[in-house]
PDB file of N, CA and C in Angstrom:
ATOM      1  N   MET A   1     132.965 176.764 140.008  1.00  0.00           N
ATOM      2  CA  MET A   1     133.617 175.471 139.847  1.00  0.00           C
ATOM      3  C   MET A   1     132.923 174.453 140.751  1.00  0.00           C
ATOM      4  N   SER A   2     132.914 173.235 140.304  1.00  0.00           N
ATOM      5  CA  SER A   2     132.273 172.157 141.043  1.00  0.00           C
ATOM      6  C   SER A   2     132.912 171.992 142.424  1.00  0.00           C
ATOM      7  N   ASN A   3     132.075 171.801 143.423  1.00  0.00           N
ATOM      8  CA  ASN A   3     132.567 171.592 144.789  1.00  0.00           C
ATOM      9  C   ASN A   3     132.758 170.117 145.112  1.00  0.00           C
ATOM     10  N   GLU A   4     132.449 169.256 144.137  1.00  0.00           N
ATOM     11  CA  GLU A   4     132.583 167.824 144.365  1.00  0.00           C
ATOM     12  C   GLU A   4     134.050 167.461 144.570  1.00  0.00           C
ATOM     13  N   LYS A   5     134.296 166.570 145.511  1.00  0.00           N
ATOM     14  CA  LYS A   5     135.662 166.158 145.837  1.00  0.00           C
ATOM     15  C   LYS A   5     136.356 165.522 144.633  1.00  0.00           C
ATOM     16  N   ARG A   6     137.583 165.950 144.389  1.00  0.00           N
ATOM     17  CA  ARG A   6     138.404 165.373 143.329  1.00  0.00           C
ATOM     18  C   ARG A   6     139.222 164.241 143.936  1.00  0.00           C
ATOM     19  N   VAL A   7     139.251 163.099 143.248  1.00  0.00           N
ATOM     20  CA  VAL A   7     139.889 161.924 143.832  1.00  0.00           C
ATOM     21  C   VAL A   7     141.052 161.375 143.014  1.00  0.00           C
ATOM     22  N   ILE A   8     141.100 161.689 141.725  1.00  0.00           N
ATOM     23  CA  ILE A   8     142.148 161.182 140.839  1.00  0.00           C
ATOM     24  C   ILE A   8     142.644 162.338 139.976  1.00  0.00           C
ATOM     25  N   HIS A   9     143.956 162.343 139.715  1.00  0.00           N
ATOM     26  CA  HIS A   9     144.528 163.276 138.749  1.00  0.00           C
ATOM     27  C   HIS A   9     145.317 162.430 137.761  1.00  0.00           C
ATOM     28  N   PHE A  10     145.153 162.724 136.457  1.00  0.00           N
ATOM     29  CA  PHE A  10     145.973 162.030 135.476  1.00  0.00           C
ATOM     30  C   PHE A  10     146.399 162.986 134.377  1.00  0.00           C
ATOM     31  N   SER A  11     147.482 162.594 133.703  1.00  0.00           N
ATOM     32  CA  SER A  11     148.016 163.404 132.607  1.00  0.00           C
ATOM     33  C   SER A  11     148.332 162.498 131.428  1.00  0.00           C
ATOM     34  N   THR A  12     148.451 163.124 130.252  1.00  0.00           N
ATOM     35  CA  THR A  12     148.763 162.405 129.027  1.00  0.00           C
ATOM     36  C   THR A  12     150.151 162.816 128.534  1.00  0.00           C
ATOM     37  N   PRO A  13     150.754 162.025 127.641  1.00  0.00           N
ATOM     38  CA  PRO A  13     152.047 162.412 127.079  1.00  0.00           C
ATOM     39  C   PRO A  13     151.967 163.736 126.316  1.00  0.00           C
ATOM     40  N   TYR A  14     150.801 164.088 125.827  1.00  0.00           N
ATOM     41  CA  TYR A  14     150.599 165.323 125.076  1.00  0.00           C
ATOM     42  C   TYR A  14     150.641 166.544 125.996  1.00  0.00           C
ATOM     43  N   GLY A  15     150.534 166.289 127.314  1.00  0.00           N
ATOM     44  CA  GLY A  15     150.601 167.376 128.281  1.00  0.00           C
ATOM     45  C   GLY A  15     149.249 167.815 128.830  1.00  0.00           C
ATOM     46  N   ASP A  16     148.200 167.097 128.486  1.00  0.00           N
ATOM     47  CA  ASP A  16     146.872 167.416 129.032  1.00  0.00           C
ATOM     48  C   ASP A  16     146.765 166.871 130.449  1.00  0.00           C
ATOM     49  N   HIS A  17     146.071 167.617 131.313  1.00  0.00           N
ATOM     50  CA  HIS A  17     145.875 167.213 132.706  1.00  0.00           C
ATOM     51  C   HIS A  17     144.385 167.226 133.028  1.00  0.00           C
ATOM     52  N   TYR A  18     143.971 166.231 133.812  1.00  0.00           N
ATOM     53  CA  TYR A  18     142.569 166.076 134.171  1.00  0.00           C
ATOM     54  C   TYR A  18     142.463 165.694 135.639  1.00  0.00           C
ATOM     55  N   ASP A  19     141.398 166.147 136.276  1.00  0.00           N
ATOM     56  CA  ASP A  19     141.012 165.656 137.590  1.00  0.00           C
ATOM     57  C   ASP A  19     139.720 164.884 137.412  1.00  0.00           C
ATOM     58  N   VAL A  20     139.487 163.942 138.310  1.00  0.00           N
ATOM     59  CA  VAL A  20     138.265 163.147 138.281  1.00  0.00           C
ATOM     60  C   VAL A  20     137.621 163.249 139.657  1.00  0.00           C
ATOM     61  N   THR A  21     136.322 163.506 139.673  1.00  0.00           N
ATOM     62  CA  THR A  21     135.606 163.656 140.936  1.00  0.00           C
ATOM     63  C   THR A  21     135.187 162.292 141.484  1.00  0.00           C
ATOM     64  N   ALA A  22     134.692 162.302 142.706  1.00  0.00           N
ATOM     65  CA  ALA A  22     134.274 161.063 143.364  1.00  0.00           C
ATOM     66  C   ALA A  22     133.182 160.325 142.588  1.00  0.00           C
ATOM     67  N   SER A  23     132.383 161.048 141.822  1.00  0.00           N
ATOM     68  CA  SER A  23     131.334 160.391 141.033  1.00  0.00           C
ATOM     69  C   SER A  23     131.802 160.069 139.617  1.00  0.00           C
ATOM     70  N   GLY A  24     133.089 160.307 139.322  1.00  0.00           N
ATOM     71  CA  GLY A  24     133.641 159.941 138.025  1.00  0.00           C
ATOM     72  C   GLY A  24     133.653 161.046 136.988  1.00  0.00           C
ATOM     73  N   ASN A  25     133.158 162.237 137.318  1.00  0.00           N
ATOM     74  CA  ASN A  25     133.176 163.337 136.358  1.00  0.00           C
ATOM     75  C   ASN A  25     134.608 163.733 136.036  1.00  0.00           C
ATOM     76  N   ILE A  26     134.902 163.902 134.750  1.00  0.00           N
ATOM     77  CA  ILE A  26     136.226 164.321 134.308  1.00  0.00           C
ATOM     78  C   ILE A  26     136.241 165.839 134.184  1.00  0.00           C
ATOM     79  N   ILE A  27     137.282 166.450 134.736  1.00  0.00           N
ATOM     80  CA  ILE A  27     137.438 167.906 134.686  1.00  0.00           C
ATOM     81  C   ILE A  27     138.704 168.233 133.914  1.00  0.00           C
ATOM     82  N   ARG A  28     138.539 168.990 132.836  1.00  0.00           N
ATOM     83  CA  ARG A  28     139.699 169.458 132.060  1.00  0.00           C
ATOM     84  C   ARG A  28     140.368 170.584 132.817  1.00  0.00           C
ATOM     85  N   LEU A  29     141.668 170.495 132.987  1.00  0.00           N
ATOM     86  CA  LEU A  29     142.390 171.525 133.729  1.00  0.00           C
ATOM     87  C   LEU A  29     142.989 172.605 132.837  1.00  0.00           C
ATOM     88  N   ASP A  30     142.898 172.426 131.516  1.00  0.00           N
ATOM     89  CA  ASP A  30     143.407 173.446 130.601  1.00  0.00           C
ATOM     90  C   ASP A  30     142.392 174.562 130.352  1.00  0.00           C
ATOM     91  N   GLN A  31     141.193 174.395 130.880  1.00  0.00           N
ATOM     92  CA  GLN A  31     140.144 175.410 130.749  1.00  0.00           C
ATOM     93  C   GLN A  31     139.710 175.825 132.158  1.00  0.00           C
ATOM     94  N   PRO A  32     140.202 176.951 132.646  1.00  0.00           N
ATOM     95  CA  PRO A  32     139.926 177.358 134.028  1.00  0.00           C
ATOM     96  C   PRO A  32     138.437 177.436 134.384  1.00  0.00           C
ATOM     97  N   ASP A  33     137.590 177.731 133.416  1.00  0.00           N
ATOM     98  CA  ASP A  33     136.155 177.849 133.679  1.00  0.00           C
ATOM     99  C   ASP A  33     135.402 176.550 133.420  1.00  0.00           C
ATOM    100  N   PHE A  34     136.120 175.448 133.167  1.00  0.00           N
ATOM    101  CA  PHE A  34     135.456 174.187 132.833  1.00  0.00           C
ATOM    102  C   PHE A  34     134.611 173.717 134.005  1.00  0.00           C
ATOM    103  N   GLU A  35     133.367 173.461 133.735  1.00  0.00           N
ATOM    104  CA  GLU A  35     132.420 172.969 134.737  1.00  0.00           C
ATOM    105  C   GLU A  35     131.913 171.611 134.256  1.00  0.00           C
ATOM    106  N   PRO A  36     132.080 170.541 135.039  1.00  0.00           N
ATOM    107  CA  PRO A  36     131.625 169.227 134.581  1.00  0.00           C
ATOM    108  C   PRO A  36     130.111 169.201 134.372  1.00  0.00           C
ATOM    109  N   SER A  37     129.705 168.588 133.269  1.00  0.00           N
ATOM    110  CA  SER A  37     128.285 168.509 132.916  1.00  0.00           C
ATOM    111  C   SER A  37     127.599 167.304 133.549  1.00  0.00           C
ATOM    112  N   GLY A  38     128.401 166.355 134.024  1.00  0.00           N
ATOM    113  CA  GLY A  38     127.825 165.106 134.506  1.00  0.00           C
ATOM    114  C   GLY A  38     127.643 164.101 133.379  1.00  0.00           C
ATOM    115  N   GLN A  39     128.005 164.506 132.163  1.00  0.00           N
ATOM    116  CA  GLN A  39     127.844 163.648 130.986  1.00  0.00           C
ATOM    117  C   GLN A  39     129.171 163.112 130.459  1.00  0.00           C
ATOM    118  N   TRP A  40     130.269 163.428 131.150  1.00  0.00           N
ATOM    119  CA  TRP A  40     131.585 162.931 130.736  1.00  0.00           C
ATOM    120  C   TRP A  40     132.216 162.289 131.962  1.00  0.00           C
ATOM    121  N   LYS A  41     132.253 160.967 131.963  1.00  0.00           N
ATOM    122  CA  LYS A  41     132.682 160.208 133.134  1.00  0.00           C
ATOM    123  C   LYS A  41     133.830 159.261 132.806  1.00  0.00           C
ATOM    124  N   LEU A  42     134.704 159.082 133.783  1.00  0.00           N
ATOM    125  CA  LEU A  42     135.761 158.081 133.671  1.00  0.00           C
ATOM    126  C   LEU A  42     135.163 156.727 134.021  1.00  0.00           C
ATOM    127  N   VAL A  43     135.280 155.782 133.105  1.00  0.00           N
ATOM    128  CA  VAL A  43     134.801 154.420 133.345  1.00  0.00           C
ATOM    129  C   VAL A  43     135.928 153.593 133.951  1.00  0.00           C
ATOM    130  N   GLY A  44     137.155 153.795 133.440  1.00  0.00           N
ATOM    131  CA  GLY A  44     138.290 153.054 133.960  1.00  0.00           C
ATOM    132  C   GLY A  44     139.496 153.200 133.060  1.00  0.00           C
ATOM    133  N   LEU A  45     140.482 152.342 133.298  1.00  0.00           N
ATOM    134  CA  LEU A  45     141.717 152.316 132.519  1.00  0.00           C
ATOM    135  C   LEU A  45     141.869 150.952 131.875  1.00  0.00           C
ATOM    136  N   ARG A  46     142.329 150.949 130.641  1.00  0.00           N
ATOM    137  CA  ARG A  46     142.544 149.688 129.920  1.00  0.00           C
ATOM    138  C   ARG A  46     143.995 149.605 129.482  1.00  0.00           C
ATOM    139  N   HIS A  47     144.582 148.425 129.644  1.00  0.00           N
ATOM    140  CA  HIS A  47     145.941 148.197 129.172  1.00  0.00           C
ATOM    141  C   HIS A  47     145.920 148.202 127.647  1.00  0.00           C
ATOM    142  N   VAL A  48     146.933 148.812 127.034  1.00  0.00           N
ATOM    143  CA  VAL A  48     146.910 148.961 125.577  1.00  0.00           C
ATOM    144  C   VAL A  48     147.209 147.666 124.824  1.00  0.00           C
ATOM    145  N   LYS A  49     147.896 146.723 125.450  1.00  0.00           N
ATOM    146  CA  LYS A  49     148.177 145.439 124.789  1.00  0.00           C
ATOM    147  C   LYS A  49     147.340 144.308 125.371  1.00  0.00           C
ATOM    148  N   ARG A  50     147.272 144.246 126.678  1.00  0.00           N
ATOM    149  CA  ARG A  50     146.455 143.220 127.341  1.00  0.00           C
ATOM    150  C   ARG A  50     145.048 143.797 127.503  1.00  0.00           C
ATOM    151  N   THR A  51     144.299 143.796 126.414  1.00  0.00           N
ATOM    152  CA  THR A  51     143.021 144.517 126.375  1.00  0.00           C
ATOM    153  C   THR A  51     141.963 143.960 127.330  1.00  0.00           C
ATOM    154  N   THR A  52     142.190 142.770 127.852  1.00  0.00           N
ATOM    155  CA  THR A  52     141.254 142.266 128.858  1.00  0.00           C
ATOM    156  C   THR A  52     141.583 142.805 130.252  1.00  0.00           C
ATOM    157  N   GLU A  53     142.754 143.450 130.392  1.00  0.00           N
ATOM    158  CA  GLU A  53     143.119 144.055 131.673  1.00  0.00           C
ATOM    159  C   GLU A  53     142.444 145.423 131.768  1.00  0.00           C
ATOM    160  N   PHE A  54     141.497 145.506 132.675  1.00  0.00           N
ATOM    161  CA  PHE A  54     140.700 146.720 132.826  1.00  0.00           C
ATOM    162  C   PHE A  54     140.564 147.045 134.314  1.00  0.00           C
ATOM    163  N   ILE A  55     140.845 148.285 134.664  1.00  0.00           N
ATOM    164  CA  ILE A  55     140.726 148.725 136.054  1.00  0.00           C
ATOM    165  C   ILE A  55     139.541 149.682 136.121  1.00  0.00           C
ATOM    166  N   ARG A  56     138.478 149.257 136.771  1.00  0.00           N
ATOM    167  CA  ARG A  56     137.290 150.104 136.917  1.00  0.00           C
ATOM    168  C   ARG A  56     137.622 151.346 137.734  1.00  0.00           C
ATOM    169  N   PHE A  57     136.962 152.445 137.424  1.00  0.00           N
ATOM    170  CA  PHE A  57     137.183 153.703 138.117  1.00  0.00           C
ATOM    171  C   PHE A  57     137.175 153.520 139.636  1.00  0.00           C
ATOM    172  N   GLU A  58     136.223 152.767 140.139  1.00  0.00           N
ATOM    173  CA  GLU A  58     136.069 152.588 141.579  1.00  0.00           C
ATOM    174  C   GLU A  58     137.256 151.892 142.219  1.00  0.00           C
ATOM    175  N   ARG A  59     138.087 151.223 141.420  1.00  0.00           N
ATOM    176  CA  ARG A  59     139.228 150.462 141.945  1.00  0.00           C
ATOM    177  C   ARG A  59     140.575 151.118 141.659  1.00  0.00           C
ATOM    178  N   ILE A  60     140.587 152.246 140.952  1.00  0.00           N
ATOM    179  CA  ILE A  60     141.854 152.857 140.550  1.00  0.00           C
ATOM    180  C   ILE A  60     142.704 153.251 141.754  1.00  0.00           C
ATOM    181  N   ALA A  61     142.118 153.891 142.766  1.00  0.00           N
ATOM    182  CA  ALA A  61     142.907 154.329 143.922  1.00  0.00           C
ATOM    183  C   ALA A  61     143.581 153.129 144.603  1.00  0.00           C
ATOM    184  N   GLU A  62     142.874 152.038 144.740  1.00  0.00           N
ATOM    185  CA  GLU A  62     143.452 150.832 145.343  1.00  0.00           C
ATOM    186  C   GLU A  62     144.532 150.250 144.444  1.00  0.00           C
ATOM    187  N   TRP A  63     144.292 150.211 143.145  1.00  0.00           N
ATOM    188  CA  TRP A  63     145.254 149.707 142.164  1.00  0.00           C
ATOM    189  C   TRP A  63     146.547 150.517 142.211  1.00  0.00           C
ATOM    190  N   LEU A  64     146.429 151.829 142.381  1.00  0.00           N
ATOM    191  CA  LEU A  64     147.616 152.688 142.424  1.00  0.00           C
ATOM    192  C   LEU A  64     148.542 152.347 143.596  1.00  0.00           C
ATOM    193  N   LYS A  65     147.992 151.795 144.659  1.00  0.00           N
ATOM    194  CA  LYS A  65     148.809 151.408 145.812  1.00  0.00           C
ATOM    195  C   LYS A  65     149.798 150.294 145.462  1.00  0.00           C
ATOM    196  N   THR A  66     149.525 149.560 144.377  1.00  0.00           N
ATOM    197  CA  THR A  66     150.425 148.485 143.945  1.00  0.00           C
ATOM    198  C   THR A  66     151.594 149.028 143.133  1.00  0.00           C
ATOM    199  N   LYS A  67     151.608 150.345 142.887  1.00  0.00           N
ATOM    200  CA  LYS A  67     152.657 151.027 142.120  1.00  0.00           C
ATOM    201  C   LYS A  67     152.871 150.383 140.749  1.00  0.00           C
ATOM    202  N   PRO A  68     151.835 150.370 139.929  1.00  0.00           N
ATOM    203  CA  PRO A  68     151.942 149.737 138.611  1.00  0.00           C
ATOM    204  C   PRO A  68     152.887 150.503 137.687  1.00  0.00           C
ATOM    205  N   GLU A  69     153.509 149.782 136.779  1.00  0.00           N
ATOM    206  CA  GLU A  69     154.328 150.406 135.743  1.00  0.00           C
ATOM    207  C   GLU A  69     153.362 151.053 134.753  1.00  0.00           C
ATOM    208  N   LEU A  70     153.479 152.356 134.566  1.00  0.00           N
ATOM    209  CA  LEU A  70     152.563 153.069 133.674  1.00  0.00           C
ATOM    210  C   LEU A  70     153.068 153.145 132.244  1.00  0.00           C
ATOM    211  N   THR A  71     154.382 152.973 132.057  1.00  0.00           N
ATOM    212  CA  THR A  71     154.934 153.065 130.706  1.00  0.00           C
ATOM    213  C   THR A  71     155.760 151.828 130.378  1.00  0.00           C
ATOM    214  N   PHE A  72     155.886 151.594 129.081  1.00  0.00           N
ATOM    215  CA  PHE A  72     156.771 150.542 128.596  1.00  0.00           C
ATOM    216  C   PHE A  72     158.214 151.054 128.668  1.00  0.00           C
ATOM    217  N   LYS A  73     159.187 150.195 128.402  1.00  0.00           N
ATOM    218  CA  LYS A  73     160.602 150.598 128.433  1.00  0.00           C
ATOM    219  C   LYS A  73     160.896 151.745 127.471  1.00  0.00           C
ATOM    220  N   ASN A  74     160.115 151.844 126.383  1.00  0.00           N
ATOM    221  CA  ASN A  74     160.331 152.912 125.403  1.00  0.00           C
ATOM    222  C   ASN A  74     159.650 154.228 125.815  1.00  0.00           C
ATOM    223  N   GLY A  75     159.009 154.236 126.991  1.00  0.00           N
ATOM    224  CA  GLY A  75     158.383 155.446 127.501  1.00  0.00           C
ATOM    225  C   GLY A  75     156.939 155.649 127.090  1.00  0.00           C
ATOM    226  N   LYS A  76     156.409 154.785 126.229  1.00  0.00           N
ATOM    227  CA  LYS A  76     155.014 154.933 125.796  1.00  0.00           C
ATOM    228  C   LYS A  76     154.077 154.368 126.858  1.00  0.00           C
ATOM    229  N   PRO A  77     152.893 154.970 126.998  1.00  0.00           N
ATOM    230  CA  PRO A  77     151.946 154.542 128.033  1.00  0.00           C
ATOM    231  C   PRO A  77     151.457 153.108 127.858  1.00  0.00           C
ATOM    232  N   GLN A  78     151.306 152.426 128.996  1.00  0.00           N
ATOM    233  CA  GLN A  78     150.735 151.078 128.988  1.00  0.00           C
ATOM    234  C   GLN A  78     149.216 151.112 129.143  1.00  0.00           C
ATOM    235  N   TYR A  79     148.680 152.239 129.608  1.00  0.00           N
ATOM    236  CA  TYR A  79     147.243 152.322 129.876  1.00  0.00           C
ATOM    237  C   TYR A  79     146.621 153.498 129.154  1.00  0.00           C
ATOM    238  N   THR A  80     145.370 153.325 128.804  1.00  0.00           N
ATOM    239  CA  THR A  80     144.606 154.400 128.197  1.00  0.00           C
ATOM    240  C   THR A  80     143.267 154.524 128.919  1.00  0.00           C
ATOM    241  N   VAL A  81     142.584 155.614 128.674  1.00  0.00           N
ATOM    242  CA  VAL A  81     141.333 155.933 129.362  1.00  0.00           C
ATOM    243  C   VAL A  81     140.140 155.349 128.621  1.00  0.00           C
ATOM    244  N   VAL A  82     139.208 154.812 129.397  1.00  0.00           N
ATOM    245  CA  VAL A  82     137.890 154.450 128.885  1.00  0.00           C
ATOM    246  C   VAL A  82     136.930 155.422 129.550  1.00  0.00           C
ATOM    247  N   ASP A  83     136.162 156.142 128.721  1.00  0.00           N
ATOM    248  CA  ASP A  83     135.228 157.105 129.285  1.00  0.00           C
ATOM    249  C   ASP A  83     133.830 156.894 128.730  1.00  0.00           C
ATOM    250  N   TYR A  84     132.901 157.610 129.298  1.00  0.00           N
ATOM    251  CA  TYR A  84     131.514 157.615 128.858  1.00  0.00           C
ATOM    252  C   TYR A  84     131.189 159.076 128.598  1.00  0.00           C
ATOM    253  N   ASP A  85     131.040 159.427 127.325  1.00  0.00           N
ATOM    254  CA  ASP A  85     130.867 160.822 126.942  1.00  0.00           C
ATOM    255  C   ASP A  85     129.529 161.021 126.250  1.00  0.00           C
ATOM    256  N   HIS A  86     128.599 161.658 126.950  1.00  0.00           N
ATOM    257  CA  HIS A  86     127.279 161.974 126.397  1.00  0.00           C
ATOM    258  C   HIS A  86     126.642 160.770 125.701  1.00  0.00           C
ATOM    259  N   GLY A  87     126.644 159.631 126.379  1.00  0.00           N
ATOM    260  CA  GLY A  87     125.950 158.451 125.877  1.00  0.00           C
ATOM    261  C   GLY A  87     126.800 157.463 125.118  1.00  0.00           C
ATOM    262  N   SER A  88     128.070 157.766 124.880  1.00  0.00           N
ATOM    263  CA  SER A  88     128.939 156.854 124.134  1.00  0.00           C
ATOM    264  C   SER A  88     130.127 156.434 124.975  1.00  0.00           C
ATOM    265  N   ARG A  89     130.351 155.122 125.015  1.00  0.00           N
ATOM    266  CA  ARG A  89     131.549 154.604 125.682  1.00  0.00           C
ATOM    267  C   ARG A  89     132.691 154.683 124.684  1.00  0.00           C
ATOM    268  N   ARG A  90     133.829 155.253 125.107  1.00  0.00           N
ATOM    269  CA  ARG A  90     134.962 155.439 124.213  1.00  0.00           C
ATOM    270  C   ARG A  90     136.245 154.925 124.860  1.00  0.00           C
ATOM    271  N   VAL A  91     137.184 154.517 124.019  1.00  0.00           N
ATOM    272  CA  VAL A  91     138.538 154.191 124.447  1.00  0.00           C
ATOM    273  C   VAL A  91     139.428 155.209 123.764  1.00  0.00           C
ATOM    274  N   TRP A  92     140.211 155.949 124.559  1.00  0.00           N
ATOM    275  CA  TRP A  92     141.077 156.966 123.974  1.00  0.00           C
ATOM    276  C   TRP A  92     142.141 156.287 123.135  1.00  0.00           C
ATOM    277  N   GLY A  93     142.225 156.663 121.881  1.00  0.00           N
ATOM    278  CA  GLY A  93     143.169 156.057 120.953  1.00  0.00           C
ATOM    279  C   GLY A  93     144.477 156.829 120.908  1.00  0.00           C
ATOM    280  N   ASN A  94     145.342 156.432 120.016  1.00  0.00           N
ATOM    281  CA  ASN A  94     146.651 157.029 119.825  1.00  0.00           C
ATOM    282  C   ASN A  94     147.312 157.317 121.169  1.00  0.00           C
ATOM    283  N   THR A  95     147.681 156.265 121.844  1.00  0.00           N
ATOM    284  CA  THR A  95     148.202 156.390 123.208  1.00  0.00           C
ATOM    285  C   THR A  95     149.507 157.162 123.282  1.00  0.00           C
ATOM    286  N   GLN A  96     150.191 157.348 122.158  1.00  0.00           N
ATOM    287  CA  GLN A  96     151.408 158.170 122.173  1.00  0.00           C
ATOM    288  C   GLN A  96     151.073 159.585 122.653  1.00  0.00           C
ATOM    289  N   TYR A  97     149.860 160.043 122.366  1.00  0.00           N
ATOM    290  CA  TYR A  97     149.428 161.377 122.783  1.00  0.00           C
ATOM    291  C   TYR A  97     148.374 161.344 123.888  1.00  0.00           C
ATOM    292  N   HIS A  98     147.514 160.323 123.854  1.00  0.00           N
ATOM    293  CA  HIS A  98     146.357 160.321 124.744  1.00  0.00           C
ATOM    294  C   HIS A  98     146.336 159.190 125.759  1.00  0.00           C
ATOM    295  N   GLY A  99     147.422 158.468 125.905  1.00  0.00           N
ATOM    296  CA  GLY A  99     147.488 157.449 126.937  1.00  0.00           C
ATOM    297  C   GLY A  99     147.711 158.105 128.295  1.00  0.00           C
ATOM    298  N   VAL A 100     147.843 157.296 129.317  1.00  0.00           N
ATOM    299  CA  VAL A 100     148.048 157.804 130.675  1.00  0.00           C
ATOM    300  C   VAL A 100     149.550 157.859 130.954  1.00  0.00           C
ATOM    301  N   ARG A 101     150.084 159.070 131.056  1.00  0.00           N
ATOM    302  CA  ARG A 101     151.513 159.240 131.372  1.00  0.00           C
ATOM    303  C   ARG A 101     151.730 159.181 132.879  1.00  0.00           C
ATOM    304  N   GLY A 102     150.844 159.804 133.610  1.00  0.00           N
ATOM    305  CA  GLY A 102     150.940 159.823 135.063  1.00  0.00           C
ATOM    306  C   GLY A 102     149.546 159.816 135.678  1.00  0.00           C
ATOM    307  N   ILE A 103     149.438 159.215 136.846  1.00  0.00           N
ATOM    308  CA  ILE A 103     148.148 159.174 137.531  1.00  0.00           C
ATOM    309  C   ILE A 103     148.407 159.015 139.019  1.00  0.00           C
ATOM    310  N   TYR A 104     147.627 159.715 139.813  1.00  0.00           N
ATOM    311  CA  TYR A 104     147.731 159.558 141.263  1.00  0.00           C
ATOM    312  C   TYR A 104     146.408 159.888 141.931  1.00  0.00           C
ATOM    313  N   ALA A 105     146.228 159.334 143.111  1.00  0.00           N
ATOM    314  CA  ALA A 105     145.047 159.644 143.920  1.00  0.00           C
ATOM    315  C   ALA A 105     145.288 160.973 144.624  1.00  0.00           C
ATOM    316  N   ILE A 106     144.255 161.783 144.673  1.00  0.00           N
ATOM    317  CA  ILE A 106     144.345 163.102 145.311  1.00  0.00           C
ATOM    318  C   ILE A 106     143.962 162.954 146.785  1.00  0.00           C
TER     319      ILE A 106
END
């Protein structure tokens, strides 16, 4: 397993859990042998309605200190993940399953 320091942990409403290393590598926690390739990185978090609201990975720990509301009143996530996966920048869709349910600095 990677010895790189883990700095962020987040989960989705679907029940998936991930850790993120200091260099932004995403680690899947549902696969005990998962080893980060260096090709799947967290870029940041984007608000699902205010799409210009973007929190860069490097600022997430500081942003978390403000205790942001992560869900709407109906319980659905307000933020989703933006990642860089093997050369493609992606925004995780269908936030009912893949949005950010919980996130904290490790």
